C-alpha atoms as a PDB file:
ATOM      1  CA  MET A   1       1.548  -5.339  16.825  1.00  0.00           C
ATOM      2  CA  LYS A   2       4.032  -2.567  17.222  1.00  0.00           C
ATOM      3  CA  ALA A   3       6.730  -2.083  14.614  1.00  0.00           C
ATOM      4  CA  HIS A   4       9.904  -0.394  15.712  1.00  0.00           C
ATOM      5  CA  PRO A   5      11.557   2.389  13.757  1.00  0.00           C
ATOM      6  CA  VAL A   6      14.131   0.641  11.650  1.00  0.00           C
ATOM      7  CA  ALA A   7      13.928   0.877   8.016  1.00  0.00           C
ATOM      8  CA  THR A   8      14.652   5.019   4.335  1.00  0.00           C
ATOM      9  CA  HIS A   9      16.055   5.572   0.978  1.00  0.00           C
ATOM     10  CA  ILE A  10      14.299   3.987  -2.023  1.00  0.00           C
ATOM     11  CA  GLU A  11      14.928   4.185  -5.712  1.00  0.00           C
ATOM     12  CA  PRO A  12      11.436   4.787  -7.119  1.00  0.00           C
ATOM     13  CA  THR A  13      10.494   3.034 -10.325  1.00  0.00           C
ATOM     14  CA  ASP A  14       8.947   6.193 -11.750  1.00  0.00           C
ATOM     15  CA  GLU A  15       8.990   9.941 -11.259  1.00  0.00           C
ATOM     16  CA  ALA A  16       5.616   9.928  -9.497  1.00  0.00           C
ATOM     17  CA  ASN A  17       7.019   8.098  -6.482  1.00  0.00           C
ATOM     18  CA  LEU A  18       8.377  10.256  -3.718  1.00  0.00           C
ATOM     19  CA  ARG A  19      12.108  10.372  -3.222  1.00  0.00           C
ATOM     20  CA  PHE A  20      12.911   9.153   0.238  1.00  0.00           C
ATOM     21  CA  GLU A  21      15.359  11.116   2.273  1.00  0.00           C
ATOM     22  CA  LYS A  22      16.831  10.534   5.687  1.00  0.00           C
ATOM     23  CA  ASP A  23      14.194  10.246   8.393  1.00  0.00           C
ATOM     24  CA  GLN A  24      11.329   9.514   5.968  1.00  0.00           C
ATOM     25  CA  HIS A  25       8.194   8.350   7.737  1.00  0.00           C
ATOM     26  CA  CYS A  26       6.202   5.320   6.629  1.00  0.00           C
ATOM     27  CA  PHE A  27       2.862   3.794   7.657  1.00  0.00           C
ATOM     28  CA  ILE A  28       2.919   0.105   8.392  1.00  0.00           C
ATOM     29  CA  ILE A  29      -0.144  -1.574   6.890  1.00  0.00           C
ATOM     30  CA  PHE A  30      -1.080  -5.231   7.064  1.00  0.00           C
ATOM     31  CA  VAL A  31      -2.663  -7.560   4.542  1.00  0.00           C
ATOM     32  CA  GLY A  32      -2.950 -11.248   5.283  1.00  0.00           C
ATOM     33  CA  GLY A  33      -0.865 -10.691   8.416  1.00  0.00           C
ATOM     34  CA  GLU A  34       2.069  -9.385   6.364  1.00  0.00           C
ATOM     35  CA  PRO A  35       3.466  -5.870   6.861  1.00  0.00           C
ATOM     36  CA  PHE A  36       3.846  -3.395   4.014  1.00  0.00           C
ATOM     37  CA  GLY A  37       5.097   0.168   4.021  1.00  0.00           C
ATOM     38  CA  LEU A  38       3.274   3.177   2.617  1.00  0.00           C
ATOM     39  CA  PRO A  39       4.865   6.660   2.527  1.00  0.00           C
ATOM     40  CA  VAL A  40       3.158   8.948   5.061  1.00  0.00           C
ATOM     41  CA  ASP A  41       3.341  11.803   2.536  1.00  0.00           C
ATOM     42  CA  ARG A  42       0.864   9.951   0.300  1.00  0.00           C
ATOM     43  CA  VAL A  43      -1.697   9.212   3.021  1.00  0.00           C
ATOM     44  CA  GLN A  44      -4.593  11.651   3.225  1.00  0.00           C
ATOM     45  CA  THR A  45      -6.816   9.825   5.698  1.00  0.00           C
ATOM     46  CA  ILE A  46      -7.694   6.437   7.174  1.00  0.00           C
ATOM     47  CA  PHE A  47     -11.372   5.505   7.147  1.00  0.00           C
ATOM     48  CA  GLN A  48     -13.907   2.683   7.166  1.00  0.00           C
ATOM     49  CA  ILE A  49     -15.813   1.972   3.974  1.00  0.00           C
ATOM     50  CA  GLU A  50     -19.536   1.744   4.609  1.00  0.00           C
ATOM     51  CA  ALA A  51     -20.770   1.217   1.042  1.00  0.00           C
ATOM     52  CA  ILE A  52     -19.123   0.234  -2.246  1.00  0.00           C
ATOM     53  CA  THR A  53     -20.555   0.805  -5.713  1.00  0.00           C
ATOM     54  CA  PRO A  54     -19.233  -1.880  -8.099  1.00  0.00           C
ATOM     55  CA  VAL A  55     -17.500  -0.879 -11.334  1.00  0.00           C
ATOM     56  CA  PRO A  56     -18.561  -3.239 -14.131  1.00  0.00           C
ATOM     57  CA  LEU A  57     -15.694  -4.326 -16.389  1.00  0.00           C
ATOM     58  CA  GLY A  58     -13.128  -2.544 -14.203  1.00  0.00           C
ATOM     59  CA  PRO A  59      -9.710  -3.989 -13.340  1.00  0.00           C
ATOM     60  CA  HIS A  60      -9.844  -6.935 -10.930  1.00  0.00           C
ATOM     61  CA  GLU A  61      -8.046  -4.922  -8.229  1.00  0.00           C
ATOM     62  CA  VAL A  62     -10.743  -2.244  -8.239  1.00  0.00           C
ATOM     63  CA  ILE A  63     -13.535  -3.303  -5.894  1.00  0.00           C
ATOM     64  CA  GLY A  64     -15.644  -0.257  -6.694  1.00  0.00           C
ATOM     65  CA  LEU A  65     -16.247   3.390  -5.970  1.00  0.00           C
ATOM     66  CA  VAL A  66     -16.598   4.834  -2.462  1.00  0.00           C
ATOM     67  CA  ASN A  67     -17.570   8.162  -0.974  1.00  0.00           C
ATOM     68  CA  LEU A  68     -14.733   9.906   0.828  1.00  0.00           C
ATOM     69  CA  ARG A  69     -15.972  13.151   2.362  1.00  0.00           C
ATOM     70  CA  GLY A  70     -18.284  13.856  -0.542  1.00  0.00           C
ATOM     71  CA  LYS A  71     -15.721  12.896  -3.175  1.00  0.00           C
ATOM     72  CA  ILE A  72     -16.109   9.688  -5.219  1.00  0.00           C
ATOM     73  CA  VAL A  73     -12.848   7.718  -5.219  1.00  0.00           C
ATOM     74  CA  THR A  74     -11.704   4.405  -6.676  1.00  0.00           C
ATOM     75  CA  ALA A  75     -11.316   1.639  -4.088  1.00  0.00           C
ATOM     76  CA  VAL A  76      -8.351  -0.648  -4.785  1.00  0.00           C
ATOM     77  CA  CYS A  77      -8.014  -3.883  -2.788  1.00  0.00           C
ATOM     78  CA  LEU A  78      -4.412  -4.599  -1.790  1.00  0.00           C
ATOM     79  CA  ARG A  79      -5.315  -8.265  -1.268  1.00  0.00           C
ATOM     80  CA  ARG A  80      -6.379  -8.489  -4.911  1.00  0.00           C
ATOM     81  CA  CYS A  81      -3.268  -6.632  -6.073  1.00  0.00           C
ATOM     82  CA  LEU A  82      -1.178  -9.243  -4.242  1.00  0.00           C
ATOM     83  CA  GLN A  83      -3.400 -12.084  -5.510  1.00  0.00           C
ATOM     84  CA  MET A  84      -4.326 -13.109  -1.969  1.00  0.00           C
ATOM     85  CA  GLN A  85      -7.579 -14.787  -1.020  1.00  0.00           C
ATOM     86  CA  GLU A  86     -10.444 -12.378  -0.265  1.00  0.00           C
ATOM     87  CA  ARG A  87     -11.081 -11.630   3.405  1.00  0.00           C
ATOM     88  CA  ILE A  88     -14.567 -12.504   4.558  1.00  0.00           C
ATOM     89  CA  SER A  89     -15.696 -10.271   7.384  1.00  0.00           C
ATOM     90  CA  LYS A  90     -18.890  -8.578   8.481  1.00  0.00           C
ATOM     91  CA  LYS A  91     -16.955  -5.554   9.718  1.00  0.00           C
ATOM     92  CA  PRO A  92     -16.646  -2.500   7.446  1.00  0.00           C
ATOM     93  CA  ARG A  93     -13.514  -2.495   5.310  1.00  0.00           C
ATOM     94  CA  LEU A  94     -10.585  -0.341   6.356  1.00  0.00           C
ATOM     95  CA  ALA A  95      -9.141   1.981   3.715  1.00  0.00           C
ATOM     96  CA  ILE A  96      -6.384   4.513   3.375  1.00  0.00           C
ATOM     97  CA  GLY A  97      -7.104   7.617   1.326  1.00  0.00           C
ATOM     98  CA  VAL A  98      -4.145   8.017  -1.033  1.00  0.00           C
ATOM     99  CA  GLU A  99      -3.292  10.526  -3.766  1.00  0.00           C
ATOM    100  CA  TYR A 100      -1.420   9.377  -6.867  1.00  0.00           C
ATOM    101  CA  ARG A 101      -0.834  11.552  -9.935  1.00  0.00           C
ATOM    102  CA  GLY A 102      -3.581  13.964  -8.946  1.00  0.00           C
ATOM    103  CA  GLU A 103      -6.202  11.249  -8.448  1.00  0.00           C
ATOM    104  CA  ASN A 104      -7.611  10.007  -5.160  1.00  0.00           C
ATOM    105  CA  PHE A 105      -7.854   6.328  -4.276  1.00  0.00           C
ATOM    106  CA  ALA A 106      -9.006   4.277  -1.315  1.00  0.00           C
ATOM    107  CA  LEU A 107      -6.460   1.508  -0.681  1.00  0.00           C
ATOM    108  CA  VAL A 108      -8.318  -1.287   1.112  1.00  0.00           C
ATOM    109  CA  VAL A 109      -6.173  -3.045   3.733  1.00  0.00           C
ATOM    110  CA  ASP A 110      -6.749  -5.389   6.671  1.00  0.00           C
ATOM    111  CA  GLU A 111      -5.101  -3.279   9.359  1.00  0.00           C
ATOM    112  CA  VAL A 112      -3.081  -0.106   9.878  1.00  0.00           C
ATOM    113  CA  GLY A 113      -0.133  -0.134  12.262  1.00  0.00           C
ATOM    114  CA  ASP A 114       2.291   2.464  13.502  1.00  0.00           C
ATOM    115  CA  VAL A 115       4.228   5.118  11.677  1.00  0.00           C
ATOM    116  CA  ILE A 116       7.924   4.281  11.610  1.00  0.00           C
ATOM    117  CA  ILE A 117      11.058   6.006  10.429  1.00  0.00           C
ATOM    118  CA  LEU A 118      12.792   4.056   7.694  1.00  0.00           C
ATOM    119  CA  ASP A 119      16.511   3.541   8.245  1.00  0.00           C
ATOM    120  CA  PRO A 120      18.589   3.344   5.035  1.00  0.00           C
ATOM    121  CA  GLU A 121      20.956   0.934   6.785  1.00  0.00           C
ATOM    122  CA  LYS A 122      18.128  -1.627   7.063  1.00  0.00           C
ATOM    123  CA  ARG A 123      17.424  -1.753   3.329  1.00  0.00           C
ATOM    124  CA  ILE A 124      18.132  -5.158   1.808  1.00  0.00           C
ATOM    125  CA  PRO A 125      18.100  -6.521  -1.762  1.00  0.00           C
ATOM    126  CA  LEU A 126      14.813  -7.966  -2.990  1.00  0.00           C
ATOM    127  CA  PRO A 127      14.670 -11.517  -1.612  1.00  0.00           C
ATOM    128  CA  PRO A 128      14.708 -14.141  -4.395  1.00  0.00           C
ATOM    129  CA  HIS A 129      11.736 -15.978  -2.848  1.00  0.00           C
ATOM    130  CA  LEU A 130       9.302 -13.063  -3.464  1.00  0.00           C
ATOM    131  CA  ASP A 131       6.660 -14.041  -5.955  1.00  0.00           C
ATOM    132  CA  HIS A 132       6.454 -12.162  -9.249  1.00  0.00           C
ATOM    133  CA  GLN A 133       3.328 -10.168  -8.274  1.00  0.00           C
ATOM    134  CA  ARG A 134       4.893  -8.996  -5.004  1.00  0.00           C
ATOM    135  CA  MET A 135       8.081  -7.944  -6.791  1.00  0.00           C
ATOM    136  CA  LYS A 136       6.059  -5.821  -9.229  1.00  0.00           C
ATOM    137  CA  LEU A 137       4.424  -3.953  -6.322  1.00  0.00           C
ATOM    138  CA  THR A 138       7.581  -3.465  -4.218  1.00  0.00           C
ATOM    139  CA  SER A 139       9.974  -0.547  -4.582  1.00  0.00           C
ATOM    140  CA  ALA A 140      12.298  -1.560  -1.716  1.00  0.00           C
ATOM    141  CA  VAL A 141      12.603  -4.070   1.115  1.00  0.00           C
ATOM    142  CA  TYR A 142      13.679  -3.399   4.701  1.00  0.00           C
ATOM    143  CA  ARG A 143      14.539  -5.701   7.572  1.00  0.00           C
ATOM    144  CA  LEU A 144      12.523  -4.969  10.711  1.00  0.00           C
ATOM    145  CA  ASP A 145      13.260  -6.514  14.093  1.00  0.00           C
ATOM    146  CA  ARG A 146      11.422  -9.774  13.410  1.00  0.00           C
ATOM    147  CA  GLN A 147      10.171  -9.473   9.856  1.00  0.00           C
ATOM    148  CA  ILE A 148      10.670  -8.059   6.386  1.00  0.00           C
ATOM    149  CA  LEU A 149       8.832  -4.911   5.219  1.00  0.00           C
ATOM    150  CA  SER A 150       8.023  -4.446   1.536  1.00  0.00           C
ATOM    151  CA  LEU A 151       7.686  -0.783   0.630  1.00  0.00           C
ATOM    152  CA  LEU A 152       4.820  -0.428  -1.830  1.00  0.00           C
ATOM    153  CA  ASP A 153       5.514   1.106  -5.233  1.00  0.00           C
ATOM    154  CA  MET A 154       2.770   3.672  -5.776  1.00  0.00           C
ATOM    155  CA  GLY A 155       3.137   3.594  -9.563  1.00  0.00           C
ATOM    156  CA  SER A 156       2.687  -0.164  -9.746  1.00  0.00           C
ATOM    157  CA  LEU A 157      -0.251  -0.087  -7.351  1.00  0.00           C
ATOM    158  CA  PHE A 158      -2.338   2.566  -9.045  1.00  0.00           C
ATOM    159  CA  ASP A 159      -1.192   2.610 -12.680  1.00  0.00           C
ATOM    160  CA  PHE A 160      -3.267  -0.307 -13.946  1.00  0.00           C
ATOM    161  CA  GLN A 161      -2.178  -0.001 -17.578  1.00  0.00           C
ATOM    162  CA  ARG A 162       1.505  -0.149 -16.624  1.00  0.00           C
ATOM    163  CA  ARG A 163       0.970  -3.234 -14.464  1.00  0.00           C
ATOM    164  CA  ASN A 164      -0.726  -5.319 -17.159  1.00  0.00           C
END
């Protein structure tokens, strides 16, 4: 699926989020067939996870630790963050290497789409039908050609103490 450049300016919920300016680029990622936006500035790499080491007693969203170029990083499942059903697949999991507050994470997603330019004119108020969990993880919403794009709030995604 190809997303068209349409949706930029967000009001971050905390100082750690990047301030969006005109012509800010965003990765489109998919989970459960739904598109989400992730600031390009935060993405370090896109990779397949070959092996996961579980973390006993860790937050539910953390599926374990993974090796990213010799560095051990925390793997966070976006499906779990959104309280979606787990995806059962024999293929390796797809992850996006992300930096937040000086720490590295692997954000596990179903699919990665195009990079788009967010247009501030396409920003819309948070739709009232969004469930509570989705609202907590969304910093802004944009109307694309045929769908709605929720821009992920980095603080809510990776600050587990703040979320609970």
